[in-house]
Amino acid sequence: MPNLVITYCTGCNWLLRAGWYAQECLSTFGTAISVTLIPDDSGGIFEISLDGATIWERKRDGGFPDIKALKQRVRDRIDPGLSLGHSDK
């Protein structure tokens, strides 16, 4: 089962954002993925990886992902043929 890992900065108070991304991905992909949240206090980190490959990094990618873009990146790696409904439009 693919594992989506969201590492977030505790000092920046990004737990709610990380939790929301996790909730959205679990609602969309159900039992096809697992999600792990990792708190980090090293300052400013917000990184999303899937099976060890970084699919979003806040500093590198210019902020936080739109949920549509995040779901598409996850889908493209775990099941490219899966329709995301309105998120594909």
PDB file of N, CA and C in Angstrom:
ATOM      1  N   MET A   1       0.854  -1.180   0.000  1.00  0.00           N
ATOM      2  CA  MET A   1       0.000   0.000   0.000  1.00  0.00           C
ATOM      3  C   MET A   1       0.895   1.238   0.000  1.00  0.00           C
ATOM      4  N   PRO A   2       0.665   2.163  -0.913  1.00  0.00           N
ATOM      5  CA  PRO A   2       1.442   3.411  -0.928  1.00  0.00           C
ATOM      6  C   PRO A   2       1.230   4.207   0.358  1.00  0.00           C
ATOM      7  N   ASN A   3       2.305   4.846   0.808  1.00  0.00           N
ATOM      8  CA  ASN A   3       2.232   5.647   2.028  1.00  0.00           C
ATOM      9  C   ASN A   3       2.524   7.110   1.707  1.00  0.00           C
ATOM     10  N   LEU A   4       1.561   7.961   1.969  1.00  0.00           N
ATOM     11  CA  LEU A   4       1.702   9.402   1.812  1.00  0.00           C
ATOM     12  C   LEU A   4       2.186   9.955   3.149  1.00  0.00           C
ATOM     13  N   VAL A   5       3.306  10.654   3.138  1.00  0.00           N
ATOM     14  CA  VAL A   5       3.875  11.208   4.365  1.00  0.00           C
ATOM     15  C   VAL A   5       3.865  12.727   4.266  1.00  0.00           C
ATOM     16  N   ILE A   6       3.281  13.360   5.264  1.00  0.00           N
ATOM     17  CA  ILE A   6       3.235  14.814   5.320  1.00  0.00           C
ATOM     18  C   ILE A   6       4.051  15.247   6.534  1.00  0.00           C
ATOM     19  N   THR A   7       5.170  15.915   6.270  1.00  0.00           N
ATOM     20  CA  THR A   7       6.025  16.431   7.324  1.00  0.00           C
ATOM     21  C   THR A   7       5.762  17.929   7.432  1.00  0.00           C
ATOM     22  N   TYR A   8       5.443  18.386   8.623  1.00  0.00           N
ATOM     23  CA  TYR A   8       5.033  19.781   8.801  1.00  0.00           C
ATOM     24  C   TYR A   8       5.742  20.420   9.988  1.00  0.00           C
ATOM     25  N   CYS A   9       5.906  21.725   9.928  1.00  0.00           N
ATOM     26  CA  CYS A   9       6.561  22.494  10.981  1.00  0.00           C
ATOM     27  C   CYS A   9       5.574  22.768  12.123  1.00  0.00           C
ATOM     28  N   THR A  10       5.960  22.338  13.316  1.00  0.00           N
ATOM     29  CA  THR A  10       5.103  22.595  14.477  1.00  0.00           C
ATOM     30  C   THR A  10       5.178  24.054  14.909  1.00  0.00           C
ATOM     31  N   GLY A  11       6.350  24.674  14.755  1.00  0.00           N
ATOM     32  CA  GLY A  11       6.513  26.081  15.133  1.00  0.00           C
ATOM     33  C   GLY A  11       5.699  27.020  14.266  1.00  0.00           C
ATOM     34  N   CYS A  12       5.422  26.580  13.040  1.00  0.00           N
ATOM     35  CA  CYS A  12       4.631  27.399  12.106  1.00  0.00           C
ATOM     36  C   CYS A  12       3.135  27.118  12.241  1.00  0.00           C
ATOM     37  N   ASN A  13       2.782  26.180  13.116  1.00  0.00           N
ATOM     38  CA  ASN A  13       1.378  25.811  13.352  1.00  0.00           C
ATOM     39  C   ASN A  13       0.697  25.275  12.103  1.00  0.00           C
ATOM     40  N   TRP A  14       1.374  24.380  11.385  1.00  0.00           N
ATOM     41  CA  TRP A  14       0.818  23.831  10.152  1.00  0.00           C
ATOM     42  C   TRP A  14       0.149  22.473  10.341  1.00  0.00           C
ATOM     43  N   LEU A  15      -0.126  22.085  11.585  1.00  0.00           N
ATOM     44  CA  LEU A  15      -0.805  20.817  11.845  1.00  0.00           C
ATOM     45  C   LEU A  15      -2.181  20.774  11.187  1.00  0.00           C
ATOM     46  N   LEU A  16      -2.968  21.822  11.320  1.00  0.00           N
ATOM     47  CA  LEU A  16      -4.313  21.808  10.734  1.00  0.00           C
ATOM     48  C   LEU A  16      -4.262  21.659   9.222  1.00  0.00           C
ATOM     49  N   ARG A  17      -3.321  22.337   8.580  1.00  0.00           N
ATOM     50  CA  ARG A  17      -3.170  22.232   7.133  1.00  0.00           C
ATOM     51  C   ARG A  17      -2.779  20.800   6.756  1.00  0.00           C
ATOM     52  N   ALA A  18      -1.806  20.236   7.479  1.00  0.00           N
ATOM     53  CA  ALA A  18      -1.364  18.872   7.209  1.00  0.00           C
ATOM     54  C   ALA A  18      -2.512  17.885   7.410  1.00  0.00           C
ATOM     55  N   GLY A  19      -3.272  18.081   8.470  1.00  0.00           N
ATOM     56  CA  GLY A  19      -4.413  17.217   8.751  1.00  0.00           C
ATOM     57  C   GLY A  19      -5.487  17.310   7.687  1.00  0.00           C
ATOM     58  N   TRP A  20      -5.714  18.511   7.179  1.00  0.00           N
ATOM     59  CA  TRP A  20      -6.719  18.697   6.131  1.00  0.00           C
ATOM     60  C   TRP A  20      -6.293  17.983   4.847  1.00  0.00           C
ATOM     61  N   TYR A  21      -5.013  18.126   4.465  1.00  0.00           N
ATOM     62  CA  TYR A  21      -4.519  17.410   3.281  1.00  0.00           C
ATOM     63  C   TYR A  21      -4.675  15.902   3.473  1.00  0.00           C
ATOM     64  N   ALA A  22      -4.336  15.419   4.660  1.00  0.00           N
ATOM     65  CA  ALA A  22      -4.469  13.989   4.947  1.00  0.00           C
ATOM     66  C   ALA A  22      -5.923  13.545   4.816  1.00  0.00           C
ATOM     67  N   GLN A  23      -6.826  14.318   5.394  1.00  0.00           N
ATOM     68  CA  GLN A  23      -8.255  13.998   5.334  1.00  0.00           C
ATOM     69  C   GLN A  23      -8.756  13.969   3.902  1.00  0.00           C
ATOM     70  N   GLU A  24      -8.382  14.961   3.116  1.00  0.00           N
ATOM     71  CA  GLU A  24      -8.815  15.026   1.722  1.00  0.00           C
ATOM     72  C   GLU A  24      -8.307  13.830   0.913  1.00  0.00           C
ATOM     73  N   CYS A  25      -7.048  13.464   1.124  1.00  0.00           N
ATOM     74  CA  CYS A  25      -6.480  12.336   0.386  1.00  0.00           C
ATOM     75  C   CYS A  25      -7.116  11.020   0.822  1.00  0.00           C
ATOM     76  N   LEU A  26      -7.357  10.857   2.109  1.00  0.00           N
ATOM     77  CA  LEU A  26      -8.015   9.642   2.570  1.00  0.00           C
ATOM     78  C   LEU A  26      -9.459   9.572   2.080  1.00  0.00           C
ATOM     79  N   SER A  27     -10.130  10.699   1.999  1.00  0.00           N
ATOM     80  CA  SER A  27     -11.505  10.713   1.489  1.00  0.00           C
ATOM     81  C   SER A  27     -11.543  10.337   0.016  1.00  0.00           C
ATOM     82  N   THR A  28     -10.536  10.754  -0.728  1.00  0.00           N
ATOM     83  CA  THR A  28     -10.495  10.481  -2.161  1.00  0.00           C
ATOM     84  C   THR A  28      -9.992   9.077  -2.472  1.00  0.00           C
ATOM     85  N   PHE A  29      -8.915   8.644  -1.821  1.00  0.00           N
ATOM     86  CA  PHE A  29      -8.272   7.384  -2.182  1.00  0.00           C
ATOM     87  C   PHE A  29      -8.612   6.225  -1.251  1.00  0.00           C
ATOM     88  N   GLY A  30      -9.287   6.508  -0.151  1.00  0.00           N
ATOM     89  CA  GLY A  30      -9.755   5.460   0.751  1.00  0.00           C
ATOM     90  C   GLY A  30      -8.659   4.524   1.204  1.00  0.00           C
ATOM     91  N   THR A  31      -8.907   3.235   1.063  1.00  0.00           N
ATOM     92  CA  THR A  31      -7.966   2.229   1.541  1.00  0.00           C
ATOM     93  C   THR A  31      -6.837   1.954   0.548  1.00  0.00           C
ATOM     94  N   ALA A  32      -6.762   2.719  -0.532  1.00  0.00           N
ATOM     95  CA  ALA A  32      -5.680   2.540  -1.511  1.00  0.00           C
ATOM     96  C   ALA A  32      -4.366   3.161  -1.038  1.00  0.00           C
ATOM     97  N   ILE A  33      -4.417   4.009   0.006  1.00  0.00           N
ATOM     98  CA  ILE A  33      -3.202   4.622   0.546  1.00  0.00           C
ATOM     99  C   ILE A  33      -3.265   4.639   2.069  1.00  0.00           C
ATOM    100  N   SER A  34      -2.105   4.826   2.661  1.00  0.00           N
ATOM    101  CA  SER A  34      -2.044   5.149   4.085  1.00  0.00           C
ATOM    102  C   SER A  34      -1.412   6.532   4.184  1.00  0.00           C
ATOM    103  N   VAL A  35      -1.687   7.222   5.274  1.00  0.00           N
ATOM    104  CA  VAL A  35      -1.171   8.577   5.458  1.00  0.00           C
ATOM    105  C   VAL A  35      -0.489   8.668   6.816  1.00  0.00           C
ATOM    106  N   THR A  36       0.685   9.269   6.816  1.00  0.00           N
ATOM    107  CA  THR A  36       1.442   9.482   8.044  1.00  0.00           C
ATOM    108  C   THR A  36       1.737  10.967   8.184  1.00  0.00           C
ATOM    109  N   LEU A  37       1.456  11.526   9.351  1.00  0.00           N
ATOM    110  CA  LEU A  37       1.810  12.912   9.648  1.00  0.00           C
ATOM    111  C   LEU A  37       3.049  12.910  10.536  1.00  0.00           C
ATOM    112  N   ILE A  38       4.032  13.720  10.169  1.00  0.00           N
ATOM    113  CA  ILE A  38       5.269  13.798  10.943  1.00  0.00           C
ATOM    114  C   ILE A  38       5.513  15.239  11.373  1.00  0.00           C
ATOM    115  N   PRO A  39       5.402  15.516  12.672  1.00  0.00           N
ATOM    116  CA  PRO A  39       5.708  16.860  13.170  1.00  0.00           C
ATOM    117  C   PRO A  39       7.219  17.088  13.172  1.00  0.00           C
ATOM    118  N   ASP A  40       7.630  18.303  12.853  1.00  0.00           N
ATOM    119  CA  ASP A  40       9.047  18.640  12.797  1.00  0.00           C
ATOM    120  C   ASP A  40       9.214  20.050  13.348  1.00  0.00           C
ATOM    121  N   ASP A  41      10.250  20.264  14.138  1.00  0.00           N
ATOM    122  CA  ASP A  41      10.453  21.588  14.714  1.00  0.00           C
ATOM    123  C   ASP A  41      11.719  22.265  14.192  1.00  0.00           C
ATOM    124  N   SER A  42      12.194  21.820  13.028  1.00  0.00           N
ATOM    125  CA  SER A  42      13.429  22.398  12.492  1.00  0.00           C
ATOM    126  C   SER A  42      13.204  23.741  11.795  1.00  0.00           C
ATOM    127  N   GLY A  43      11.954  24.115  11.574  1.00  0.00           N
ATOM    128  CA  GLY A  43      11.651  25.443  11.039  1.00  0.00           C
ATOM    129  C   GLY A  43      11.265  25.503   9.587  1.00  0.00           C
ATOM    130  N   GLY A  44       9.993  25.739   9.343  1.00  0.00           N
ATOM    131  CA  GLY A  44       9.502  26.040   8.006  1.00  0.00           C
ATOM    132  C   GLY A  44       9.266  24.880   7.068  1.00  0.00           C
ATOM    133  N   ILE A  45       9.437  23.654   7.530  1.00  0.00           N
ATOM    134  CA  ILE A  45       9.278  22.524   6.619  1.00  0.00           C
ATOM    135  C   ILE A  45       7.812  22.191   6.385  1.00  0.00           C
ATOM    136  N   PHE A  46       7.489  21.948   5.135  1.00  0.00           N
ATOM    137  CA  PHE A  46       6.205  21.364   4.765  1.00  0.00           C
ATOM    138  C   PHE A  46       6.471  20.562   3.513  1.00  0.00           C
ATOM    139  N   GLU A  47       6.539  19.261   3.687  1.00  0.00           N
ATOM    140  CA  GLU A  47       6.910  18.371   2.589  1.00  0.00           C
ATOM    141  C   GLU A  47       5.943  17.210   2.526  1.00  0.00           C
ATOM    142  N   ILE A  48       5.558  16.862   1.304  1.00  0.00           N
ATOM    143  CA  ILE A  48       4.665  15.726   1.087  1.00  0.00           C
ATOM    144  C   ILE A  48       5.401  14.739   0.195  1.00  0.00           C
ATOM    145  N   SER A  49       5.476  13.498   0.669  1.00  0.00           N
ATOM    146  CA  SER A  49       6.134  12.467  -0.134  1.00  0.00           C
ATOM    147  C   SER A  49       5.237  11.243  -0.235  1.00  0.00           C
ATOM    148  N   LEU A  50       5.466  10.501  -1.291  1.00  0.00           N
ATOM    149  CA  LEU A  50       4.711   9.274  -1.516  1.00  0.00           C
ATOM    150  C   LEU A  50       5.728   8.168  -1.760  1.00  0.00           C
ATOM    151  N   ASP A  51       5.740   7.206  -0.871  1.00  0.00           N
ATOM    152  CA  ASP A  51       6.703   6.102  -0.942  1.00  0.00           C
ATOM    153  C   ASP A  51       8.142   6.588  -1.081  1.00  0.00           C
ATOM    154  N   GLY A  52       8.474   7.621  -0.342  1.00  0.00           N
ATOM    155  CA  GLY A  52       9.841   8.115  -0.302  1.00  0.00           C
ATOM    156  C   GLY A  52      10.198   9.152  -1.352  1.00  0.00           C
ATOM    157  N   ALA A  53       9.336   9.364  -2.331  1.00  0.00           N
ATOM    158  CA  ALA A  53       9.592  10.356  -3.382  1.00  0.00           C
ATOM    159  C   ALA A  53       8.842  11.644  -3.054  1.00  0.00           C
ATOM    160  N   THR A  54       9.544  12.756  -2.986  1.00  0.00           N
ATOM    161  CA  THR A  54       8.910  14.031  -2.675  1.00  0.00           C
ATOM    162  C   THR A  54       8.026  14.462  -3.840  1.00  0.00           C
ATOM    163  N   ILE A  55       6.742  14.697  -3.527  1.00  0.00           N
ATOM    164  CA  ILE A  55       5.830  15.174  -4.569  1.00  0.00           C
ATOM    165  C   ILE A  55       5.457  16.641  -4.369  1.00  0.00           C
ATOM    166  N   TRP A  56       5.760  17.185  -3.193  1.00  0.00           N
ATOM    167  CA  TRP A  56       5.561  18.619  -2.951  1.00  0.00           C
ATOM    168  C   TRP A  56       6.468  19.053  -1.812  1.00  0.00           C
ATOM    169  N   GLU A  57       7.142  20.181  -2.019  1.00  0.00           N
ATOM    170  CA  GLU A  57       7.972  20.762  -0.972  1.00  0.00           C
ATOM    171  C   GLU A  57       7.732  22.266  -0.994  1.00  0.00           C
ATOM    172  N   ARG A  58       7.295  22.797   0.129  1.00  0.00           N
ATOM    173  CA  ARG A  58       6.833  24.182   0.202  1.00  0.00           C
ATOM    174  C   ARG A  58       7.835  25.184  -0.364  1.00  0.00           C
ATOM    175  N   LYS A  59       9.076  25.099   0.030  1.00  0.00           N
ATOM    176  CA  LYS A  59      10.072  26.066  -0.442  1.00  0.00           C
ATOM    177  C   LYS A  59      10.391  25.869  -1.919  1.00  0.00           C
ATOM    178  N   ARG A  60      10.569  24.639  -2.332  1.00  0.00           N
ATOM    179  CA  ARG A  60      10.905  24.325  -3.723  1.00  0.00           C
ATOM    180  C   ARG A  60       9.766  24.677  -4.679  1.00  0.00           C
ATOM    181  N   ASP A  61       8.536  24.346  -4.259  1.00  0.00           N
ATOM    182  CA  ASP A  61       7.381  24.477  -5.151  1.00  0.00           C
ATOM    183  C   ASP A  61       6.586  25.763  -4.957  1.00  0.00           C
ATOM    184  N   GLY A  62       7.051  26.645  -4.094  1.00  0.00           N
ATOM    185  CA  GLY A  62       6.420  27.957  -3.953  1.00  0.00           C
ATOM    186  C   GLY A  62       5.141  27.985  -3.160  1.00  0.00           C
ATOM    187  N   GLY A  63       5.169  27.479  -1.955  1.00  0.00           N
ATOM    188  CA  GLY A  63       3.992  27.543  -1.087  1.00  0.00           C
ATOM    189  C   GLY A  63       3.346  26.181  -0.910  1.00  0.00           C
ATOM    190  N   PHE A  64       2.061  26.215  -0.688  1.00  0.00           N
ATOM    191  CA  PHE A  64       1.311  24.995  -0.418  1.00  0.00           C
ATOM    192  C   PHE A  64       0.538  24.577  -1.658  1.00  0.00           C
ATOM    193  N   PRO A  65       0.356  23.265  -1.844  1.00  0.00           N
ATOM    194  CA  PRO A  65      -0.352  22.819  -3.044  1.00  0.00           C
ATOM    195  C   PRO A  65      -1.852  23.074  -2.964  1.00  0.00           C
ATOM    196  N   ASP A  66      -2.408  23.353  -4.109  1.00  0.00           N
ATOM    197  CA  ASP A  66      -3.854  23.338  -4.258  1.00  0.00           C
ATOM    198  C   ASP A  66      -4.272  21.879  -4.089  1.00  0.00           C
ATOM    199  N   ILE A  67      -5.382  21.619  -3.422  1.00  0.00           N
ATOM    200  CA  ILE A  67      -5.779  20.237  -3.153  1.00  0.00           C
ATOM    201  C   ILE A  67      -5.971  19.463  -4.454  1.00  0.00           C
ATOM    202  N   LYS A  68      -6.451  20.121  -5.490  1.00  0.00           N
ATOM    203  CA  LYS A  68      -6.631  19.472  -6.792  1.00  0.00           C
ATOM    204  C   LYS A  68      -5.285  18.982  -7.329  1.00  0.00           C
ATOM    205  N   ALA A  69      -4.264  19.828  -7.266  1.00  0.00           N
ATOM    206  CA  ALA A  69      -2.937  19.464  -7.762  1.00  0.00           C
ATOM    207  C   ALA A  69      -2.347  18.319  -6.940  1.00  0.00           C
ATOM    208  N   LEU A  70      -2.533  18.356  -5.630  1.00  0.00           N
ATOM    209  CA  LEU A  70      -2.009  17.296  -4.775  1.00  0.00           C
ATOM    210  C   LEU A  70      -2.670  15.964  -5.110  1.00  0.00           C
ATOM    211  N   LYS A  71      -3.976  15.951  -5.218  1.00  0.00           N
ATOM    212  CA  LYS A  71      -4.683  14.711  -5.532  1.00  0.00           C
ATOM    213  C   LYS A  71      -4.263  14.170  -6.893  1.00  0.00           C
ATOM    214  N   GLN A  72      -4.052  15.045  -7.855  1.00  0.00           N
ATOM    215  CA  GLN A  72      -3.620  14.596  -9.174  1.00  0.00           C
ATOM    216  C   GLN A  72      -2.230  13.973  -9.114  1.00  0.00           C
ATOM    217  N   ARG A  73      -1.327  14.562  -8.328  1.00  0.00           N
ATOM    218  CA  ARG A  73       0.020  14.008  -8.201  1.00  0.00           C
ATOM    219  C   ARG A  73      -0.002  12.633  -7.532  1.00  0.00           C
ATOM    220  N   VAL A  74      -0.837  12.500  -6.508  1.00  0.00           N
ATOM    221  CA  VAL A  74      -0.962  11.206  -5.837  1.00  0.00           C
ATOM    222  C   VAL A  74      -1.561  10.193  -6.803  1.00  0.00           C
ATOM    223  N   ARG A  75      -2.649  10.545  -7.452  1.00  0.00           N
ATOM    224  CA  ARG A  75      -3.317   9.651  -8.393  1.00  0.00           C
ATOM    225  C   ARG A  75      -2.384   9.206  -9.510  1.00  0.00           C
ATOM    226  N   ASP A  76      -1.612  10.149 -10.064  1.00  0.00           N
ATOM    227  CA  ASP A  76      -0.717   9.835 -11.175  1.00  0.00           C
ATOM    228  C   ASP A  76       0.330   8.795 -10.787  1.00  0.00           C
ATOM    229  N   ARG A  77       0.646   8.703  -9.495  1.00  0.00           N
ATOM    230  CA  ARG A  77       1.646   7.732  -9.039  1.00  0.00           C
ATOM    231  C   ARG A  77       1.037   6.401  -8.605  1.00  0.00           C
ATOM    232  N   ILE A  78      -0.188   6.429  -8.073  1.00  0.00           N
ATOM    233  CA  ILE A  78      -0.738   5.171  -7.559  1.00  0.00           C
ATOM    234  C   ILE A  78      -1.727   4.500  -8.505  1.00  0.00           C
ATOM    235  N   ASP A  79      -2.437   5.292  -9.328  1.00  0.00           N
ATOM    236  CA  ASP A  79      -3.444   4.721 -10.234  1.00  0.00           C
ATOM    237  C   ASP A  79      -3.775   5.733 -11.328  1.00  0.00           C
ATOM    238  N   PRO A  80      -2.899   5.869 -12.337  1.00  0.00           N
ATOM    239  CA  PRO A  80      -3.076   6.903 -13.364  1.00  0.00           C
ATOM    240  C   PRO A  80      -4.427   6.877 -14.073  1.00  0.00           C
ATOM    241  N   GLY A  81      -5.094   5.747 -14.107  1.00  0.00           N
ATOM    242  CA  GLY A  81      -6.380   5.655 -14.788  1.00  0.00           C
ATOM    243  C   GLY A  81      -7.568   6.070 -13.933  1.00  0.00           C
ATOM    244  N   LEU A  82      -7.337   6.350 -12.663  1.00  0.00           N
ATOM    245  CA  LEU A  82      -8.415   6.697 -11.746  1.00  0.00           C
ATOM    246  C   LEU A  82      -8.978   8.079 -12.044  1.00  0.00           C
ATOM    247  N   SER A  83     -10.294   8.159 -12.148  1.00  0.00           N
ATOM    248  CA  SER A  83     -10.946   9.450 -12.345  1.00  0.00           C
ATOM    249  C   SER A  83     -11.104  10.147 -11.001  1.00  0.00           C
ATOM    250  N   LEU A  84     -10.767  11.424 -10.971  1.00  0.00           N
ATOM    251  CA  LEU A  84     -10.947  12.220  -9.758  1.00  0.00           C
ATOM    252  C   LEU A  84     -12.201  13.088  -9.844  1.00  0.00           C
ATOM    253  N   GLY A  85     -13.061  12.780 -10.800  1.00  0.00           N
ATOM    254  CA  GLY A  85     -14.298  13.542 -10.937  1.00  0.00           C
ATOM    255  C   GLY A  85     -14.034  14.994 -11.222  1.00  0.00           C
ATOM    256  N   HIS A  86     -14.636  15.881 -10.438  1.00  0.00           N
ATOM    257  CA  HIS A  86     -14.511  17.318 -10.690  1.00  0.00           C
ATOM    258  C   HIS A  86     -13.071  17.819 -10.520  1.00  0.00           C
ATOM    259  N   SER A  87     -12.225  17.071  -9.811  1.00  0.00           N
ATOM    260  CA  SER A  87     -10.829  17.491  -9.646  1.00  0.00           C
ATOM    261  C   SER A  87     -10.009  17.305 -10.913  1.00  0.00           C
ATOM    262  N   ASP A  88     -10.538  16.584 -11.882  1.00  0.00           N
ATOM    263  CA  ASP A  88      -9.837  16.394 -13.157  1.00  0.00           C
ATOM    264  C   ASP A  88     -10.146  17.493 -14.162  1.00  0.00           C
ATOM    265  N   LYS A  89     -11.116  18.317 -13.870  1.00  0.00           N
ATOM    266  CA  LYS A  89     -11.535  19.343 -14.834  1.00  0.00           C
ATOM    267  C   LYS A  89     -10.711  20.591 -14.702  1.00  0.00           C
TER     268      LYS A  89
END
